[in-house]
């Protein structure tokens, strides 16, 4: 009898153990409560915080970074919100109207987002983050309105000059040093222009390019359009000077702008990009175009191109194109959302994870880190070897953000410029920049003040 009781007891214990094991291994969705789901994705079970994130960079890279963040933060689950980049701003507006803004997101218009009350105050997190000490002051200023940080720079695309080394050598002209000046660039452009051979020193984008970079190049305190973040004012003096110089280069034939008919006659292709003809010495551009001219297709054409940091004027500052992001005011976990935004964009650990993905997928970085962290830069040098790349990266500490995506009022200003057809009239010379610069300055200041008042009203 005792033996039967003992066997029955053992059987009951085994059954209970089996039931506990089976019942404890599944959540309500039939997934494991610990470890990955059956399809290899990270399980949401057991994570008490869910954060949403939206950006427009490569979706596979986003998922890689989100997975890495979740691996490092066992209590957080990250959901990526997919938005069509072409309708980004209107989509955010729709999400805001239903209270469904992502917890952290990138935006094409941070000023308007802040004015709408969409952005949380992240001053405490950013200022208390030791990693932000490695970010240039010209980038840190972006996203701060009336002393409150509502957003931040996520990544950058430095202004550069693509230099046709082959054309320099063919014309027996020595390449400049990487520490060159704007005046040197103009002198080289003139020297390498040969109108009878349909050869140009620069390209046809000099008007808008020089208009935008002159403030950073020739002042120590102003940004694009003459924006002074310390005063909240605009001064279009250098905008006008840069535009006028661009017009001079075009009118003199130093900057090439052949018609489709001329390109067909001279180069055999009416739609060809002028640098690809091999007949343009230098191209004012941005980081994202380096890969284009270093592609094998250009090598096959017998062309070797180098990337130079944009030359300096009277200051040593270099303008850079930036993207920006923020944490939603509606977010229930703003500190964790800041950490997610940081990891997905500018953070050191996030960039280490990016580099692993770039290597695995045999891709070059699509943008440049905003941090001057030595470990990150060394990984960058490894992925993109070459003295020219190194020179571009060494300019990171001197970066000054362009203003398009974060200074309040610019969306309204650009709408006004378009409605008055001002850029087109300037290009056709029916309007002179010195005659309209004063009115442009007035409109910049007017729209800025209007939008800043809206942002100030959001402060609690």
Protein backbone atom coordinates (compact mmCIF):
# COMPACT_ATOMS: atom_id res chain seq x y z
CA UNK A 1 0.00 0.00 0.00
CA UNK A 2 2.81 2.35 0.90
CA UNK A 3 4.45 1.62 -2.44
CA UNK A 4 1.23 2.46 -4.34
CA UNK A 5 0.88 5.75 -2.45
CA UNK A 6 4.47 6.63 -3.17
CA UNK A 7 4.07 5.93 -6.91
CA UNK A 8 0.85 7.97 -7.03
CA UNK A 9 2.60 10.90 -5.32
CA UNK A 10 5.49 10.81 -7.77
CA UNK A 11 3.07 10.70 -10.71
CA UNK A 12 1.17 13.74 -9.42
CA UNK A 13 4.40 15.74 -8.91
CA UNK A 14 5.57 14.93 -12.44
CA UNK A 15 2.25 15.97 -13.95
CA UNK A 16 2.22 19.24 -12.04
CA UNK A 17 5.79 19.99 -13.08
CA UNK A 18 4.88 19.32 -16.68
CA UNK A 19 1.84 21.57 -16.51
CA UNK A 20 3.86 24.38 -14.96
CA UNK A 21 6.50 24.06 -17.62
CA UNK A 22 3.94 24.13 -20.42
CA UNK A 23 1.86 26.91 -18.93
CA UNK A 24 4.83 29.13 -18.11
CA UNK A 25 6.50 28.96 -21.52
CA UNK A 26 3.79 30.68 -23.51
CA UNK A 27 2.20 34.08 -23.43
CA UNK A 28 -1.31 34.87 -24.64
CA UNK A 29 -0.13 34.96 -28.24
CA UNK A 30 1.53 31.59 -28.05
CA UNK A 31 5.05 33.09 -28.11
CA UNK A 32 7.87 32.38 -25.71
CA UNK A 33 7.93 34.85 -22.81
CA UNK A 34 11.73 34.84 -22.93
CA UNK A 35 13.90 34.88 -26.00
CA UNK A 36 12.91 35.44 -29.63
CA UNK A 37 9.69 34.55 -31.37
CA UNK A 38 9.54 31.51 -33.64
CA UNK A 39 10.36 33.69 -36.66
CA UNK A 40 13.49 35.04 -35.00
CA UNK A 41 12.07 38.47 -34.14
CA UNK A 42 12.27 39.81 -30.62
CA UNK A 43 9.25 39.01 -28.46
CA UNK A 44 7.18 41.75 -26.88
CA UNK A 45 6.30 39.52 -23.95
CA UNK A 46 7.83 40.46 -20.62
CA UNK A 47 8.68 44.00 -21.73
CA UNK A 48 6.71 46.61 -19.82
CA UNK A 49 7.52 49.63 -22.02
CA UNK A 50 6.63 49.92 -25.69
CA UNK A 51 8.14 52.79 -27.69
CA UNK A 52 7.37 53.79 -31.26
CA UNK A 53 9.87 55.38 -33.64
CA UNK A 54 9.66 56.94 -37.10
CA UNK A 55 12.43 58.06 -39.48
CA UNK A 56 13.03 57.93 -43.21
CA UNK A 57 16.43 56.23 -43.39
CA UNK A 58 16.85 52.64 -44.57
CA UNK A 59 14.12 50.44 -43.05
CA UNK A 60 16.38 47.40 -42.71
CA UNK A 61 18.97 49.48 -40.87
CA UNK A 62 16.23 50.85 -38.63
CA UNK A 63 15.13 47.32 -37.70
CA UNK A 64 18.73 46.31 -37.03
CA UNK A 65 19.18 49.27 -34.67
CA UNK A 66 15.82 48.69 -32.97
CA UNK A 67 16.73 45.05 -32.34
CA UNK A 68 20.11 46.04 -30.92
CA UNK A 69 18.46 48.61 -28.65
CA UNK A 70 15.97 46.02 -27.38
CA UNK A 71 18.79 43.59 -26.68
CA UNK A 72 20.43 46.25 -24.53
CA UNK A 73 17.16 47.27 -22.84
CA UNK A 74 15.31 44.14 -21.78
CA UNK A 75 12.26 46.05 -20.53
CA UNK A 76 11.65 48.00 -23.77
CA UNK A 77 9.94 46.91 -26.98
CA UNK A 78 10.39 49.08 -30.07
CA UNK A 79 7.85 49.36 -32.86
CA UNK A 80 8.83 51.10 -36.10
CA UNK A 81 6.18 53.35 -37.61
CA UNK A 82 6.20 53.35 -41.40
CA UNK A 83 5.44 56.70 -43.06
CA UNK A 84 5.73 57.63 -46.72
CA UNK A 85 8.59 60.12 -46.92
CA UNK A 86 6.82 62.09 -49.65
CA UNK A 87 3.91 62.84 -47.31
CA UNK A 88 5.87 62.90 -44.05
CA UNK A 89 4.70 66.24 -42.65
CA UNK A 90 1.02 65.69 -43.43
CA UNK A 91 1.21 62.17 -42.02
CA UNK A 92 2.61 63.50 -38.74
CA UNK A 93 -0.19 66.05 -38.68
CA UNK A 94 -2.75 63.26 -39.07
CA UNK A 95 -1.11 61.16 -36.34
CA UNK A 96 -1.02 64.17 -34.02
CA UNK A 97 -4.74 64.80 -34.57
CA UNK A 98 -5.56 61.30 -33.33
CA UNK A 99 -3.02 61.32 -30.49
CA UNK A 100 -0.87 58.70 -32.21
CA UNK A 101 2.43 60.51 -32.77
CA UNK A 102 5.44 58.19 -32.52
CA UNK A 103 7.24 58.45 -29.18
CA UNK A 104 10.39 59.57 -31.01
CA UNK A 105 10.47 60.76 -34.58
CA UNK A 106 12.39 62.70 -37.21
CA UNK A 107 10.80 65.70 -38.86
CA UNK A 108 11.32 68.03 -41.80
CA UNK A 109 10.05 70.99 -39.76
CA UNK A 110 10.97 70.92 -36.09
CA UNK A 111 9.97 74.56 -35.60
CA UNK A 112 6.39 73.87 -36.63
CA UNK A 113 6.31 70.64 -34.59
CA UNK A 114 7.37 72.61 -31.50
CA UNK A 115 4.86 75.38 -32.24
CA UNK A 116 2.13 72.73 -32.48
CA UNK A 117 3.03 71.38 -29.05
CA UNK A 118 4.17 68.03 -30.38
CA UNK A 119 7.67 68.07 -28.84
CA UNK A 120 8.65 67.24 -25.28
CA UNK A 121 11.22 69.27 -23.35
CA UNK A 122 14.35 67.09 -23.46
CA UNK A 123 16.74 69.72 -22.06
CA UNK A 124 17.50 67.70 -18.91
CA UNK A 125 18.32 64.51 -20.82
CA UNK A 126 20.46 66.20 -23.49
CA UNK A 127 22.39 68.50 -21.18
CA UNK A 128 23.01 65.67 -18.74
CA UNK A 129 24.26 63.33 -21.46
CA UNK A 130 28.09 63.17 -21.50
CA UNK A 131 28.07 62.13 -25.17
CA UNK A 132 26.76 65.52 -26.26
CA UNK A 133 30.07 67.11 -25.21
CA UNK A 134 31.54 65.63 -28.41
CA UNK A 135 29.07 67.48 -30.65
CA UNK A 136 30.04 70.78 -32.32
CA UNK A 137 28.42 73.90 -30.89
CA UNK A 138 27.19 74.74 -34.39
CA UNK A 139 25.04 71.60 -34.22
CA UNK A 140 24.02 71.72 -30.56
CA UNK A 141 22.14 74.96 -31.06
CA UNK A 142 19.57 73.31 -33.34
CA UNK A 143 16.32 72.47 -31.58
CA UNK A 144 16.67 74.98 -28.73
CA UNK A 145 13.91 77.59 -28.58
CA UNK A 146 13.85 80.27 -25.88
CA UNK A 147 16.17 78.20 -23.71
CA UNK A 148 14.21 74.95 -24.02
CA UNK A 149 15.44 72.00 -26.06
CA UNK A 150 12.59 70.53 -28.07
CA UNK A 151 14.72 68.59 -30.54
CA UNK A 152 18.22 67.73 -31.69
CA UNK A 153 20.38 67.06 -34.72
CA UNK A 154 20.34 63.36 -35.61
CA UNK A 155 22.88 63.14 -38.46
CA UNK A 156 24.70 65.31 -40.97
CA UNK A 157 25.80 65.55 -44.59
CA UNK A 158 28.81 67.90 -44.76
CA UNK A 159 29.17 70.41 -47.55
CA UNK A 160 32.05 69.26 -49.74
CA UNK A 161 33.73 69.93 -53.06
CA UNK A 162 34.20 67.05 -55.49
CA UNK A 163 37.54 67.52 -57.26
CA UNK A 164 38.28 65.90 -60.63
CA UNK A 165 41.87 64.80 -60.01
CA UNK A 166 42.17 63.51 -63.58
CA UNK A 167 41.28 66.88 -65.09
CA UNK A 168 43.74 68.67 -62.81
CA UNK A 169 46.51 66.33 -63.95
CA UNK A 170 45.58 66.65 -67.62
CA UNK A 171 45.91 70.43 -67.31
CA UNK A 172 49.12 70.30 -65.25
CA UNK A 173 47.47 72.07 -62.33
CA UNK A 174 48.53 71.05 -58.83
CA UNK A 175 45.85 69.82 -56.48
CA UNK A 176 45.14 72.09 -53.51
CA UNK A 177 45.76 71.02 -49.94
CA UNK A 178 42.79 69.88 -47.91
CA UNK A 179 43.14 73.03 -45.78
CA UNK A 180 42.36 75.24 -48.77
CA UNK A 181 40.43 78.51 -48.89
CA UNK A 182 37.45 79.76 -50.88
CA UNK A 183 39.68 82.24 -52.73
CA UNK A 184 41.96 79.35 -53.78
CA UNK A 185 38.95 77.47 -55.10
CA UNK A 186 37.85 80.44 -57.20
CA UNK A 187 41.36 80.91 -58.59
CA UNK A 188 41.60 77.23 -59.53
CA UNK A 189 38.16 77.32 -61.12
CA UNK A 190 39.19 80.24 -63.31
CA UNK A 191 42.48 78.60 -64.23
CA UNK A 192 40.81 75.36 -65.28
CA UNK A 193 38.06 76.99 -67.36
CA UNK A 194 38.60 76.64 -71.11
CA UNK A 195 35.52 77.82 -72.92
CA UNK A 196 36.84 76.81 -76.35
CA UNK A 197 37.11 73.22 -75.05
CA UNK A 198 33.74 73.39 -73.21
CA UNK A 199 35.60 72.89 -69.94
CA UNK A 200 34.45 74.52 -66.71
CA UNK A 201 35.85 75.18 -63.27
CA UNK A 202 32.54 74.76 -61.41
CA UNK A 203 28.95 73.65 -62.00
CA UNK A 204 25.59 75.34 -62.35
CA UNK A 205 24.50 75.05 -58.70
CA UNK A 206 26.73 77.89 -57.50
CA UNK A 207 23.85 80.32 -56.93
CA UNK A 208 21.96 78.43 -54.24
CA UNK A 209 25.06 76.76 -52.83
CA UNK A 210 27.12 79.90 -52.22
CA UNK A 211 24.02 81.75 -51.03
CA UNK A 212 23.62 79.15 -48.28
CA UNK A 213 27.22 78.66 -47.10
CA UNK A 214 28.62 82.19 -46.98
CA UNK A 215 27.41 83.01 -43.45
CA UNK A 216 29.17 80.00 -41.95
CA UNK A 217 32.29 80.65 -44.02
CA UNK A 218 32.68 84.36 -43.33
CA UNK A 219 31.28 84.92 -39.82
CA UNK A 220 31.82 83.40 -36.40
CA UNK A 221 28.25 83.73 -35.14
CA UNK A 222 25.78 83.60 -38.05
CA UNK A 223 24.18 80.62 -39.73
CA UNK A 224 22.48 80.15 -43.10
CA UNK A 225 20.33 83.16 -44.15
CA UNK A 226 22.19 85.21 -41.55
CA UNK A 227 20.36 83.60 -38.64
CA UNK A 228 21.80 84.59 -35.24
CA UNK A 229 20.54 82.03 -32.70
CA UNK A 230 21.69 84.13 -29.76
CA UNK A 231 19.49 87.06 -30.83
CA UNK A 232 16.79 85.34 -32.88
CA UNK A 233 17.36 87.65 -35.85
CA UNK A 234 18.31 87.41 -39.53
CA UNK A 235 20.77 89.47 -41.59
CA UNK A 236 20.84 88.74 -45.33
CA UNK A 237 24.15 90.50 -46.04
CA UNK A 238 26.16 87.33 -46.69
CA UNK A 239 23.25 85.61 -48.40
CA UNK A 240 23.29 88.44 -50.95
CA UNK A 241 27.09 88.31 -51.30
CA UNK A 242 27.10 84.55 -51.90
CA UNK A 243 24.31 84.76 -54.46
CA UNK A 244 26.01 87.63 -56.27
CA UNK A 245 29.26 85.65 -56.45
CA UNK A 246 27.41 82.68 -57.90
CA UNK A 247 25.85 84.91 -60.55
CA UNK A 248 29.28 86.32 -61.39
CA UNK A 249 30.71 82.82 -61.86
CA UNK A 250 27.84 81.83 -64.15
CA UNK A 251 27.95 85.00 -66.22
CA UNK A 252 31.72 84.72 -66.69
CA UNK A 253 31.45 81.12 -67.86
CA UNK A 254 33.61 79.79 -65.00
CA UNK A 255 30.57 77.90 -63.71
CA UNK A 256 29.15 75.82 -66.52
CA UNK A 257 25.48 75.77 -67.41
CA UNK A 258 25.18 74.42 -70.96
CA UNK A 259 21.75 73.86 -72.45
CA UNK A 260 20.49 70.40 -73.41
CA UNK A 261 21.20 71.23 -77.04
CA UNK A 262 24.78 72.22 -76.22
CA UNK A 263 25.35 69.12 -74.11
CA UNK A 264 24.12 66.94 -76.96
CA UNK A 265 26.43 68.70 -79.41
CA UNK A 266 29.49 68.84 -77.15
CA UNK A 267 29.23 65.65 -75.09
CA UNK A 268 26.81 63.47 -77.06
CA UNK A 269 24.18 63.33 -74.32
CA UNK A 270 21.59 66.05 -73.72
CA UNK A 271 20.78 64.89 -70.18
CA UNK A 272 24.28 64.13 -68.89
CA UNK A 273 25.33 65.52 -65.51
CA UNK A 274 28.15 67.93 -66.30
CA UNK A 275 30.73 66.39 -63.91
CA UNK A 276 30.32 63.04 -65.65
CA UNK A 277 31.55 64.55 -68.93
CA UNK A 278 35.00 64.84 -67.38
CA UNK A 279 34.96 68.50 -68.37
CA UNK A 280 34.18 70.02 -64.97
CA UNK A 281 37.04 70.52 -62.54
CA UNK A 282 35.10 70.93 -59.29
CA UNK A 283 31.55 70.34 -58.13
CA UNK A 284 30.03 71.98 -55.05
CA UNK A 285 28.05 69.22 -53.39
CA UNK A 286 27.25 67.23 -50.26
CA UNK A 287 28.45 64.03 -48.65
CA UNK A 288 25.82 61.83 -50.28
CA UNK A 289 27.29 62.40 -53.78
CA UNK A 290 30.79 61.11 -52.98
CA UNK A 291 29.78 57.51 -53.66
CA UNK A 292 28.42 58.53 -57.08
CA UNK A 293 31.69 59.92 -58.45
CA UNK A 294 33.77 57.16 -56.85
CA UNK A 295 31.60 54.51 -58.49
CA UNK A 296 33.20 52.05 -60.92
CA UNK A 297 31.25 53.64 -63.79
CA UNK A 298 33.33 56.83 -63.38
CA UNK A 299 36.53 54.82 -63.07
CA UNK A 300 35.63 53.11 -66.34
CA UNK A 301 35.36 56.57 -67.91
CA UNK A 302 38.94 57.25 -66.85
CA UNK A 303 37.97 59.70 -64.12
CA UNK A 304 39.34 59.84 -60.57
CA UNK A 305 37.47 62.09 -58.18
CA UNK A 306 38.43 63.23 -54.68
CA UNK A 307 36.23 64.61 -51.92
CA UNK A 308 37.43 67.83 -50.27
CA UNK A 309 35.97 69.56 -47.24
CA UNK A 310 34.37 72.84 -48.25
CA UNK A 311 37.13 75.48 -48.20
CA UNK A 312 37.28 78.09 -45.47
CA UNK A 313 36.57 81.79 -45.70
CA UNK A 314 37.56 84.15 -42.91
CA UNK A 315 36.28 81.67 -40.32
CA UNK A 316 37.12 77.98 -40.10
CA UNK A 317 33.49 76.88 -39.93
CA UNK A 318 31.91 74.56 -42.49
CA UNK A 319 28.19 74.30 -43.13
CA UNK A 320 26.54 70.90 -43.06
CA UNK A 321 23.08 69.64 -43.98
CA UNK A 322 21.33 68.16 -40.95
CA UNK A 323 18.35 66.01 -40.09
CA UNK A 324 16.54 66.56 -36.82
CA UNK A 325 14.36 64.61 -34.44
CA UNK A 326 12.43 64.93 -31.19
CA UNK A 327 10.53 63.12 -28.47
CA UNK A 328 6.74 63.44 -28.55
CA UNK A 329 5.06 65.46 -25.81
CA UNK A 330 2.47 62.67 -25.62
CA UNK A 331 5.12 60.05 -24.81
CA UNK A 332 4.60 58.33 -21.44
CA UNK A 333 8.29 57.43 -21.11
CA UNK A 334 10.25 60.47 -22.37
CA UNK A 335 13.61 59.51 -20.88
CA UNK A 336 13.53 56.07 -22.47
CA UNK A 337 12.32 57.64 -25.74
CA UNK A 338 15.29 60.05 -25.66
CA UNK A 339 17.62 57.08 -25.25
CA UNK A 340 15.93 55.37 -28.20
CA UNK A 341 16.19 58.48 -30.38
CA UNK A 342 19.84 58.79 -29.43
CA UNK A 343 20.60 55.14 -30.23
CA UNK A 344 18.79 55.23 -33.55
CA UNK A 345 20.53 58.43 -34.68
CA UNK A 346 23.50 60.18 -33.06
CA UNK A 347 24.62 57.97 -30.15
CA UNK A 348 28.03 56.29 -30.01
CA UNK A 349 26.68 52.80 -29.31
CA UNK A 350 24.13 53.18 -32.08
CA UNK A 351 26.85 54.14 -34.56
CA UNK A 352 28.90 51.10 -33.57
CA UNK A 353 25.86 48.99 -34.37
CA UNK A 354 25.41 50.85 -37.67
CA UNK A 355 28.97 50.07 -38.70
CA UNK A 356 28.37 46.37 -38.08
CA UNK A 357 25.32 46.54 -40.36
CA UNK A 358 27.22 48.49 -43.05
CA UNK A 359 29.98 45.88 -43.06
CA UNK A 360 27.56 42.96 -43.15
CA UNK A 361 25.65 44.49 -46.06
CA UNK A 362 28.72 45.82 -47.88
CA UNK A 363 27.39 49.38 -47.84
CA UNK A 364 28.99 52.77 -47.30
CA UNK A 365 27.59 55.10 -44.65
CA UNK A 366 24.72 57.17 -46.02
CA UNK A 367 25.41 60.01 -43.58
CA UNK A 368 28.09 61.22 -41.19
CA UNK A 369 28.00 61.02 -37.38
CA UNK A 370 27.67 64.29 -35.53
CA UNK A 371 29.92 63.07 -32.72
CA UNK A 372 33.69 63.50 -32.80
CA UNK A 373 34.10 60.44 -30.59
CA UNK A 374 37.45 58.87 -31.45
CA UNK A 375 36.19 55.29 -31.59
CA UNK A 376 33.37 56.20 -33.94
CA UNK A 377 35.69 58.16 -36.22
CA UNK A 378 38.16 55.26 -36.36
CA UNK A 379 35.37 52.93 -37.47
CA UNK A 380 34.39 55.52 -40.07
CA UNK A 381 37.96 55.68 -41.39
CA UNK A 382 37.98 51.89 -41.65
CA UNK A 383 34.81 51.82 -43.74
CA UNK A 384 35.84 54.68 -46.03
CA UNK A 385 39.65 54.72 -46.32
CA UNK A 386 41.43 57.55 -48.09
CA UNK A 387 42.99 60.89 -47.21
CA UNK A 388 40.10 62.74 -48.81
CA UNK A 389 37.46 61.00 -46.69
CA UNK A 390 39.61 61.61 -43.61
CA UNK A 391 39.84 65.33 -44.39
CA UNK A 392 36.06 65.54 -44.67
CA UNK A 393 35.56 63.76 -41.34
CA UNK A 394 38.10 65.99 -39.62
CA UNK A 395 35.86 68.95 -40.41
CA UNK A 396 33.05 67.51 -38.23
CA UNK A 397 34.17 69.47 -35.18
CA UNK A 398 33.71 72.70 -37.17
CA UNK A 399 30.23 71.91 -38.45
CA UNK A 400 27.47 74.51 -38.55
CA UNK A 401 23.93 73.23 -39.13
CA UNK A 402 21.90 74.49 -42.05
CA UNK A 403 18.60 75.96 -40.88
CA UNK A 404 15.96 74.46 -43.19
CA UNK A 405 14.55 71.76 -40.89
CA UNK A 406 14.60 73.48 -37.50
CA UNK A 407 14.52 77.29 -37.48
CA UNK A 408 10.95 78.54 -36.82
CA UNK A 409 9.17 80.36 -39.63
CA UNK A 410 11.19 79.07 -42.56
CA UNK A 411 8.33 77.04 -44.00
CA UNK A 412 6.21 80.21 -44.14
CA UNK A 413 9.13 82.19 -45.54
CA UNK A 414 9.79 79.71 -48.35
CA UNK A 415 6.08 79.71 -49.21
CA UNK A 416 6.20 83.49 -49.51
CA UNK A 417 9.34 83.35 -51.68
CA UNK A 418 7.64 80.84 -53.97
CA UNK A 419 4.43 82.87 -54.20
CA UNK A 420 6.42 85.93 -55.26
CA UNK A 421 8.53 83.90 -57.72
CA UNK A 422 11.59 85.56 -56.26
CA UNK A 423 14.21 82.87 -56.85
CA UNK A 424 13.17 82.53 -60.49
CA UNK A 425 13.24 86.31 -60.98
CA UNK A 426 16.68 86.50 -59.41
CA UNK A 427 17.94 83.73 -61.65
CA UNK A 428 16.63 85.46 -64.78
CA UNK A 429 18.21 88.73 -63.59
CA UNK A 430 14.87 90.50 -63.80
CA UNK A 431 15.41 91.13 -60.09
CA UNK A 432 18.71 91.98 -58.37
CA UNK A 433 19.55 90.35 -55.06
CA UNK A 434 20.73 93.64 -53.54
CA UNK A 435 17.31 95.15 -54.29
CA UNK A 436 15.29 92.39 -52.62
CA UNK A 437 17.64 91.30 -49.79
CA UNK A 438 16.17 93.85 -47.38
CA UNK A 439 12.62 92.62 -47.93
CA UNK A 440 13.76 88.99 -47.61
CA UNK A 441 15.35 89.87 -44.28
CA UNK A 442 12.14 91.53 -43.08
CA UNK A 443 10.07 88.47 -43.99
CA UNK A 444 12.52 86.09 -42.31
CA UNK A 445 12.33 88.07 -39.08
CA UNK A 446 8.55 88.44 -39.31
CA UNK A 447 7.79 84.74 -39.81
CA UNK A 448 10.37 83.76 -37.20
CA UNK A 449 8.78 85.99 -34.56
CA UNK A 450 5.30 84.68 -35.36
CA UNK A 451 6.34 81.06 -34.96
CA UNK A 452 8.52 81.69 -31.91
CA UNK A 453 5.53 83.24 -30.16
CA UNK A 454 3.61 80.02 -30.79
CA UNK A 455 6.47 77.96 -29.38
CA UNK A 456 6.75 80.17 -26.29
CA UNK A 457 3.04 79.69 -25.63
CA UNK A 458 3.66 75.93 -25.33
CA UNK A 459 5.98 76.37 -22.35
CA UNK A 460 4.40 75.30 -19.11
